[in-house]
Amino acid sequence: MFLEHAKRGDFRPLAVEVPFGLPGGVSAYPVDVPGHGQVLLRGRIDRVDVARMGSRAYFRVVDYKSSKNKLDLLEVYYGLSLQLLVYLAVVLEKWNELATGAFALTAGPAERRGDLGRVTPYPAGAVYLPMHDPFIRSDGPLDGAKAWAERKKNLKMAGLLLEDIDVLRLMDSAASGYSDILPVQFTKAGGIGANSQTLAGSDLELLLGYVEHKLSQICADIIAGKIDIRPYRRNRETACTHCEFSPVCTFDVLVEGNEYNTLSNLSKAQIWEEIREIMRGGE
């Protein structure tokens, strides 16, 4: 699958296993917490890709997963799924350190580290990439080409990409209709289909700003000692479903005072309305 992406696009790995706030990596990511200074985040990014377009460098964050995954906007809104977008924010802030760091890869003449340090950085997106050998179900025999096509469906990237046809074509120059490697639909007129997992540049910037706001809010709650036992519940799913601490947890809805933090199912339009209101200072 790596070769498929390389053959059909111009994005190349700039760095892999990128530590931030850890020894040998880029500096920690600062989060301003009003009244408490800054909290410094640390972590490790699986892969950072880059492609050049004139004086611009477009960065894409790739997070490997052992199974298919998706970026749920509602989970981002509630602060349940921030990691992938935090990685993108780290790259955009630390891009110069990334481009010149000793751990960076040399991804071809156009992206060599010294040259890359003099361009303007832009976000291309943040995606999950499944890393598994999918089992293909079929009612009959499949030849090699059909089997590979079915496998690609299970190894397709998922996440959010910049809604810019030129940048998307730097990721997949060959697809027509639905791309089999990106969460994007290309129209016959040369545009981007409505079913694509893309965001306009202004909306992507707004979402990254909201993620930072949510991080600040979470950090403030931790500093304040907020330790309420209120696992979330969304429809039939709860935070307890896959929790490894269930055997020692004291949460029990039969005990007085124990209750779930039930999340409202907002539409996409409602989520964006809420995010815009919060970022305007309406909260």
Protein backbone atom coordinates (compact mmCIF):
# COMPACT_ATOMS: atom_id res chain seq x y z
CA MET A 1 0.00 0.00 0.00
CA PHE A 2 2.94 2.33 0.69
CA LEU A 3 4.11 1.79 -2.88
CA GLU A 4 0.61 2.51 -4.19
CA HIS A 5 0.58 5.89 -2.45
CA ALA A 6 4.10 6.66 -3.68
CA LYS A 7 3.26 5.78 -7.29
CA ARG A 8 0.09 7.85 -7.39
CA GLY A 9 1.11 10.91 -5.38
CA ASP A 10 3.89 13.34 -4.55
CA PHE A 11 3.62 13.21 -0.76
CA ARG A 12 6.70 11.62 0.78
CA PRO A 13 7.60 10.80 4.40
CA LEU A 14 9.52 13.62 6.03
CA ALA A 15 9.94 11.85 9.36
CA VAL A 16 8.71 8.72 11.12
CA GLU A 17 8.26 7.93 14.81
CA VAL A 18 8.55 11.65 15.57
CA PRO A 19 8.90 12.34 19.32
CA PHE A 20 7.83 15.71 20.70
CA GLY A 21 8.64 16.75 24.24
CA LEU A 22 10.80 13.64 24.53
CA PRO A 23 14.57 13.14 24.32
CA GLY A 24 15.89 13.31 20.79
CA GLY A 25 12.75 14.87 19.36
CA VAL A 26 11.22 18.26 18.71
CA SER A 27 10.23 20.46 21.63
CA ALA A 28 7.03 19.88 23.62
CA TYR A 29 3.73 21.30 22.43
CA PRO A 30 2.60 24.14 24.74
CA VAL A 31 -1.03 24.56 25.75
CA ASP A 32 -1.99 27.84 27.42
CA VAL A 33 -4.13 27.32 30.52
CA PRO A 34 -5.49 30.64 31.81
CA GLY A 35 -4.45 31.19 35.40
CA HIS A 36 -2.02 28.27 35.35
CA GLY A 37 0.61 29.15 32.74
CA GLN A 38 1.32 26.42 30.22
CA VAL A 39 1.02 22.66 30.06
CA LEU A 40 3.63 20.96 27.87
CA LEU A 41 2.36 17.98 25.91
CA ARG A 42 4.58 15.16 24.75
CA GLY A 43 4.04 12.18 22.51
CA ARG A 44 5.11 10.42 19.36
CA ILE A 45 3.77 10.85 15.80
CA ASP A 46 3.86 7.77 13.58
CA ARG A 47 4.60 9.57 10.32
CA VAL A 48 4.75 13.06 8.82
CA ASP A 49 4.44 13.42 5.05
CA VAL A 50 5.23 16.49 2.98
CA ALA A 51 4.69 17.69 -0.58
CA ARG A 52 5.78 20.93 -2.21
CA MET A 53 3.75 23.30 -4.34
CA GLY A 54 5.80 26.34 -5.24
CA SER A 55 6.79 28.17 -2.08
CA ARG A 56 4.33 26.16 0.01
CA ALA A 57 4.98 22.96 1.90
CA TYR A 58 1.90 20.86 2.69
CA PHE A 59 2.12 18.57 5.71
CA ARG A 60 0.07 15.44 6.31
CA VAL A 61 0.03 13.46 9.55
CA VAL A 62 -0.41 9.69 9.34
CA ASP A 63 -1.37 7.57 12.35
CA TYR A 64 -1.10 3.80 11.95
CA LYS A 65 -3.96 1.66 13.25
CA SER A 66 -4.30 -2.11 13.60
CA SER A 67 -7.87 -1.89 12.27
CA LYS A 68 -10.07 0.46 10.29
CA ASN A 69 -10.75 3.73 12.08
CA LYS A 70 -12.39 7.05 11.37
CA LEU A 71 -12.30 10.58 12.72
CA ASP A 72 -15.70 11.37 14.20
CA LEU A 73 -16.42 15.12 14.34
CA LEU A 74 -18.82 14.64 17.28
CA GLU A 75 -16.07 12.88 19.25
CA VAL A 76 -13.72 15.76 18.47
CA TYR A 77 -16.33 18.23 19.69
CA TYR A 78 -16.74 16.41 23.01
CA GLY A 79 -12.97 16.01 23.43
CA LEU A 80 -13.01 12.22 23.03
CA SER A 81 -10.88 12.10 19.88
CA LEU A 82 -8.22 14.82 19.85
CA GLN A 83 -4.99 12.90 19.33
CA LEU A 84 -4.82 12.93 15.53
CA LEU A 85 -5.55 16.65 15.23
CA VAL A 86 -3.13 17.44 18.06
CA TYR A 87 -0.45 15.71 16.00
CA LEU A 88 -1.25 17.98 13.05
CA ALA A 89 -1.11 21.06 15.30
CA VAL A 90 2.30 19.92 16.61
CA VAL A 91 3.65 19.52 13.08
CA LEU A 92 2.43 22.95 11.99
CA GLU A 93 4.03 24.60 15.02
CA LYS A 94 7.25 22.54 14.99
CA TRP A 95 7.68 22.17 11.23
CA ASN A 96 11.02 23.95 11.16
CA GLU A 97 12.39 21.68 13.86
CA LEU A 98 11.03 18.74 11.89
CA ALA A 99 12.61 19.86 8.63
CA THR A 100 16.04 20.41 10.13
CA GLY A 101 16.08 17.74 12.85
CA ALA A 102 18.57 14.90 12.76
CA PHE A 103 15.75 12.31 12.64
CA ALA A 104 14.13 13.83 9.52
CA LEU A 105 14.33 11.83 6.31
CA THR A 106 15.53 13.26 3.02
CA ALA A 107 12.50 12.79 0.78
CA GLY A 108 13.98 13.71 -2.58
CA PRO A 109 15.59 16.86 -4.02
CA ALA A 110 12.49 19.07 -3.70
CA GLU A 111 11.99 18.23 -0.04
CA ARG A 112 15.55 18.17 1.28
CA ARG A 113 15.75 19.50 4.80
CA GLY A 114 17.74 22.66 4.14
CA ASP A 115 15.39 23.80 1.38
CA LEU A 116 12.24 22.83 3.26
CA GLY A 117 13.14 25.14 6.13
CA ARG A 118 12.57 28.17 3.90
CA VAL A 119 9.01 27.48 2.74
CA THR A 120 5.60 28.38 4.17
CA PRO A 121 3.84 25.49 5.98
CA TYR A 122 0.21 24.53 5.31
CA PRO A 123 -1.93 21.67 6.65
CA ALA A 124 -2.84 18.97 4.12
CA GLY A 125 -4.72 16.84 6.61
CA ALA A 126 -4.55 14.14 9.26
CA VAL A 127 -5.42 10.52 8.53
CA TYR A 128 -5.52 7.04 9.96
CA LEU A 129 -3.87 4.29 7.92
CA PRO A 130 -4.86 0.67 8.70
CA MET A 131 -1.87 -1.62 9.14
CA HIS A 132 -3.24 -5.13 8.83
CA ASP A 133 -3.67 -7.88 6.27
CA PRO A 134 -7.42 -7.82 5.59
CA PHE A 135 -9.37 -11.04 5.14
CA ILE A 136 -11.34 -10.83 1.90
CA ARG A 137 -14.77 -12.48 1.69
CA SER A 138 -16.00 -13.59 -1.69
CA ASP A 139 -18.72 -15.86 -3.08
CA GLY A 140 -16.29 -17.22 -5.66
CA PRO A 141 -12.68 -17.18 -6.86
CA LEU A 142 -10.98 -13.81 -7.29
CA ASP A 143 -8.10 -13.14 -9.65
CA GLY A 144 -5.11 -11.16 -8.41
CA ALA A 145 -6.34 -7.76 -9.63
CA LYS A 146 -9.79 -8.12 -8.07
CA ALA A 147 -8.34 -9.42 -4.81
CA TRP A 148 -5.98 -6.44 -4.61
CA ALA A 149 -8.84 -4.04 -5.33
CA GLU A 150 -10.84 -5.56 -2.46
CA ARG A 151 -7.85 -5.40 -0.13
CA LYS A 152 -7.32 -1.70 -0.92
CA LYS A 153 -10.85 -0.94 0.22
CA ASN A 154 -9.85 -2.17 3.68
CA LEU A 155 -6.54 -0.30 3.66
CA LYS A 156 -7.94 3.08 2.68
CA MET A 157 -6.95 6.19 4.62
CA ALA A 158 -9.60 7.84 6.80
CA GLY A 159 -9.60 11.21 8.53
CA LEU A 160 -9.73 14.80 7.34
CA LEU A 161 -7.98 16.28 4.31
CA LEU A 162 -7.69 19.80 2.98
CA GLU A 163 -10.45 20.67 0.52
CA ASP A 164 -8.10 21.73 -2.26
CA ILE A 165 -8.17 19.80 -5.53
CA ASP A 166 -4.53 20.57 -6.33
CA VAL A 167 -3.36 19.28 -2.94
CA LEU A 168 -5.57 16.19 -3.18
CA ARG A 169 -4.14 15.44 -6.60
CA LEU A 170 -0.70 15.52 -4.99
CA MET A 171 -1.97 12.57 -2.95
CA ASP A 172 -3.75 10.71 -5.75
CA SER A 173 -3.14 11.78 -9.34
CA ALA A 174 -4.80 8.73 -10.91
CA ALA A 175 -8.24 8.26 -9.33
CA SER A 176 -11.51 9.12 -11.01
CA GLY A 177 -14.71 8.95 -9.02
CA TYR A 178 -14.08 7.52 -5.57
CA SER A 179 -10.42 7.17 -4.71
CA ASP A 180 -9.47 3.72 -3.45
CA ILE A 181 -6.65 5.09 -1.28
CA LEU A 182 -8.10 8.38 0.04
CA PRO A 183 -11.47 9.31 1.64
CA VAL A 184 -12.18 11.50 -1.39
CA GLN A 185 -14.55 11.53 -4.34
CA PHE A 186 -13.30 13.21 -7.53
CA THR A 187 -16.03 14.51 -9.83
CA LYS A 188 -16.04 14.30 -13.63
CA ALA A 189 -15.88 18.09 -13.75
CA GLY A 190 -12.53 18.01 -11.96
CA GLY A 191 -13.83 18.96 -8.52
CA ILE A 192 -14.33 17.35 -5.12
CA GLY A 193 -17.46 15.31 -4.42
CA ALA A 194 -19.80 16.01 -1.51
CA ASN A 195 -19.04 12.66 0.14
CA SER A 196 -15.37 13.47 0.59
CA GLN A 197 -13.84 13.72 4.06
CA THR A 198 -12.44 17.17 3.41
CA LEU A 199 -12.53 20.60 5.04
CA ALA A 200 -11.96 24.06 3.61
CA GLY A 201 -8.75 25.66 4.83
CA SER A 202 -10.63 28.13 7.06
CA ASP A 203 -12.68 25.33 8.67
CA LEU A 204 -9.59 23.20 9.25
CA GLU A 205 -7.89 26.17 10.91
CA LEU A 206 -11.01 26.74 13.04
CA LEU A 207 -11.11 23.08 14.07
CA LEU A 208 -7.45 23.10 15.10
CA GLY A 209 -8.15 26.22 17.17
CA TYR A 210 -11.07 24.44 18.84
CA VAL A 211 -8.88 21.43 19.61
CA GLU A 212 -6.43 23.73 21.39
CA HIS A 213 -9.35 25.30 23.30
CA LYS A 214 -10.55 21.83 24.34
CA LEU A 215 -7.05 20.82 25.43
CA SER A 216 -6.83 23.95 27.59
CA GLN A 217 -10.21 23.14 29.14
CA ILE A 218 -9.19 19.54 29.91
CA CYS A 219 -5.86 20.66 31.41
CA ALA A 220 -7.65 23.23 33.59
CA ASP A 221 -10.01 20.52 34.90
CA ILE A 222 -7.06 18.24 35.73
CA ILE A 223 -5.20 21.03 37.55
CA ALA A 224 -8.37 21.87 39.48
CA GLY A 225 -8.55 18.27 40.67
CA LYS A 226 -11.76 17.43 38.84
CA ILE A 227 -12.03 13.64 39.15
CA ASP A 228 -15.76 13.05 38.85
CA ILE A 229 -16.58 9.43 37.99
CA ARG A 230 -18.85 10.14 35.01
CA PRO A 231 -17.97 7.97 32.02
CA TYR A 232 -19.54 9.12 28.79
CA ARG A 233 -22.44 7.38 27.13
CA ARG A 234 -23.35 7.87 23.50
CA ASN A 235 -26.30 5.81 22.34
CA ARG A 236 -25.35 2.27 23.45
CA GLU A 237 -21.63 2.94 23.60
CA THR A 238 -19.98 3.92 26.87
CA ALA A 239 -16.45 4.71 27.99
CA CYS A 240 -16.63 1.49 29.99
CA THR A 241 -17.00 -0.71 26.90
CA HIS A 242 -13.28 -1.20 26.29
CA CYS A 243 -11.91 0.07 29.62
CA GLU A 244 -9.09 -2.10 30.96
CA PHE A 245 -9.67 -0.87 34.51
CA SER A 246 -13.20 -2.26 34.82
CA PRO A 247 -12.21 -4.88 37.43
CA VAL A 248 -11.03 -2.20 39.88
CA CYS A 249 -13.43 0.61 38.93
CA THR A 250 -15.97 1.79 41.49
CA PHE A 251 -18.47 3.08 38.94
CA ASP A 252 -21.87 1.41 39.24
CA VAL A 253 -25.14 3.01 38.12
CA LEU A 254 -26.88 1.16 40.93
CA VAL A 255 -24.92 3.21 43.44
CA GLU A 256 -26.45 6.56 44.33
CA GLY A 257 -24.59 9.45 42.68
CA ASN A 258 -23.11 7.32 39.89
CA GLU A 259 -24.40 8.36 36.50
CA TYR A 260 -23.21 8.54 32.92
CA ASN A 261 -22.30 11.75 31.13
CA THR A 262 -24.82 11.30 28.33
CA LEU A 263 -23.71 12.98 25.08
CA SER A 264 -26.25 14.57 22.76
CA ASN A 265 -26.20 13.44 19.14
CA LEU A 266 -25.72 16.70 17.26
CA SER A 267 -25.89 17.03 13.50
CA LYS A 268 -22.81 18.12 11.59
CA ALA A 269 -24.33 21.56 11.11
CA GLN A 270 -25.07 21.86 14.84
CA ILE A 271 -21.50 20.83 15.72
CA TRP A 272 -20.03 23.53 13.50
CA GLU A 273 -22.46 26.10 14.87
CA GLU A 274 -21.39 25.21 18.41
CA ILE A 275 -17.69 25.32 17.53
CA ARG A 276 -18.00 28.72 15.85
CA GLU A 277 -19.92 30.10 18.81
CA ILE A 278 -17.32 28.83 21.28
CA MET A 279 -14.41 30.18 19.23
CA ARG A 280 -16.14 33.57 19.02
CA GLY A 281 -16.04 33.59 22.82
CA GLY A 282 -19.71 32.79 23.26
CA GLU A 283 -19.18 30.08 25.86
